[in-house]
C-alpha atoms as a PDB file:
ATOM      1  CA  UNK A   1      81.741  68.704-231.742  1.00  0.00           C
ATOM      2  CA  UNK A   2      80.416  67.716-228.442  1.00  0.00           C
ATOM      3  CA  UNK A   3      80.792  69.990-225.325  1.00  0.00           C
ATOM      4  CA  UNK A   4      82.959  67.629-223.583  1.00  0.00           C
ATOM      5  CA  UNK A   5      85.662  67.546-226.345  1.00  0.00           C
ATOM      6  CA  UNK A   6      85.318  71.329-226.674  1.00  0.00           C
ATOM      7  CA  UNK A   7      85.960  71.922-222.953  1.00  0.00           C
ATOM      8  CA  UNK A   8      88.885  69.276-223.032  1.00  0.00           C
ATOM      9  CA  UNK A   9      90.529  71.249-225.816  1.00  0.00           C
ATOM     10  CA  UNK A  10      90.270  74.592-223.949  1.00  0.00           C
ATOM     11  CA  UNK A  11      91.634  73.187-220.811  1.00  0.00           C
ATOM     12  CA  UNK A  12      94.366  71.022-221.995  1.00  0.00           C
ATOM     13  CA  UNK A  13      97.980  72.156-222.782  1.00  0.00           C
ATOM     14  CA  UNK A  14      98.094  73.757-226.143  1.00  0.00           C
ATOM     15  CA  UNK A  15     100.727  74.574-228.621  1.00  0.00           C
ATOM     16  CA  UNK A  16      99.664  78.077-229.024  1.00  0.00           C
ATOM     17  CA  UNK A  17      97.279  77.972-231.948  1.00  0.00           C
ATOM     18  CA  UNK A  18      94.036  77.909-229.851  1.00  0.00           C
ATOM     19  CA  UNK A  19      93.216  81.337-228.629  1.00  0.00           C
ATOM     20  CA  UNK A  20      90.580  80.090-226.274  1.00  0.00           C
ATOM     21  CA  UNK A  21      93.045  77.944-224.612  1.00  0.00           C
ATOM     22  CA  UNK A  22      95.545  80.937-224.203  1.00  0.00           C
ATOM     23  CA  UNK A  23      92.693  82.934-222.752  1.00  0.00           C
ATOM     24  CA  UNK A  24      91.838  80.263-220.403  1.00  0.00           C
ATOM     25  CA  UNK A  25      95.436  79.798-219.328  1.00  0.00           C
ATOM     26  CA  UNK A  26      95.932  83.549-218.782  1.00  0.00           C
ATOM     27  CA  UNK A  27      92.712  83.743-216.741  1.00  0.00           C
ATOM     28  CA  UNK A  28      93.533  80.748-214.452  1.00  0.00           C
ATOM     29  CA  UNK A  29      97.026  82.182-213.998  1.00  0.00           C
ATOM     30  CA  UNK A  30      95.731  85.718-212.943  1.00  0.00           C
ATOM     31  CA  UNK A  31      93.339  83.995-210.756  1.00  0.00           C
ATOM     32  CA  UNK A  32      95.991  82.029-209.011  1.00  0.00           C
ATOM     33  CA  UNK A  33      98.131  85.205-208.516  1.00  0.00           C
ATOM     34  CA  UNK A  34      95.283  87.180-207.116  1.00  0.00           C
ATOM     35  CA  UNK A  35      94.505  84.406-204.604  1.00  0.00           C
ATOM     36  CA  UNK A  36      98.143  84.307-203.610  1.00  0.00           C
ATOM     37  CA  UNK A  37      98.274  87.985-203.276  1.00  0.00           C
ATOM     38  CA  UNK A  38      95.112  88.198-201.179  1.00  0.00           C
ATOM     39  CA  UNK A  39      96.587  85.489-198.749  1.00  0.00           C
ATOM     40  CA  UNK A  40      99.783  87.600-198.355  1.00  0.00           C
ATOM     41  CA  UNK A  41      97.926  90.620-197.756  1.00  0.00           C
ATOM     42  CA  UNK A  42      95.678  89.044-195.281  1.00  0.00           C
ATOM     43  CA  UNK A  43      98.844  87.904-193.225  1.00  0.00           C
ATOM     44  CA  UNK A  44      99.873  91.422-192.420  1.00  0.00           C
ATOM     45  CA  UNK A  45      98.099  92.372-189.233  1.00  0.00           C
ATOM     46  CA  UNK A  46      98.338  96.051-189.633  1.00  0.00           C
ATOM     47  CA  UNK A  47      96.487  95.878-193.070  1.00  0.00           C
ATOM     48  CA  UNK A  48      93.548  93.819-191.741  1.00  0.00           C
ATOM     49  CA  UNK A  49      93.176  95.591-188.358  1.00  0.00           C
ATOM     50  CA  UNK A  50      90.824  98.609-188.591  1.00  0.00           C
END
């Protein structure tokens, strides 16, 4: 299997049978949540002012 098809299978929406796809989905979701949390925390002046 070439690398393009392999990456496509990992990134595309899966029916729950591909463990690599599930790990990728969880990783991306956590990365998005952490980014949103960082932006929210930066918006509070008393947390960033030292």
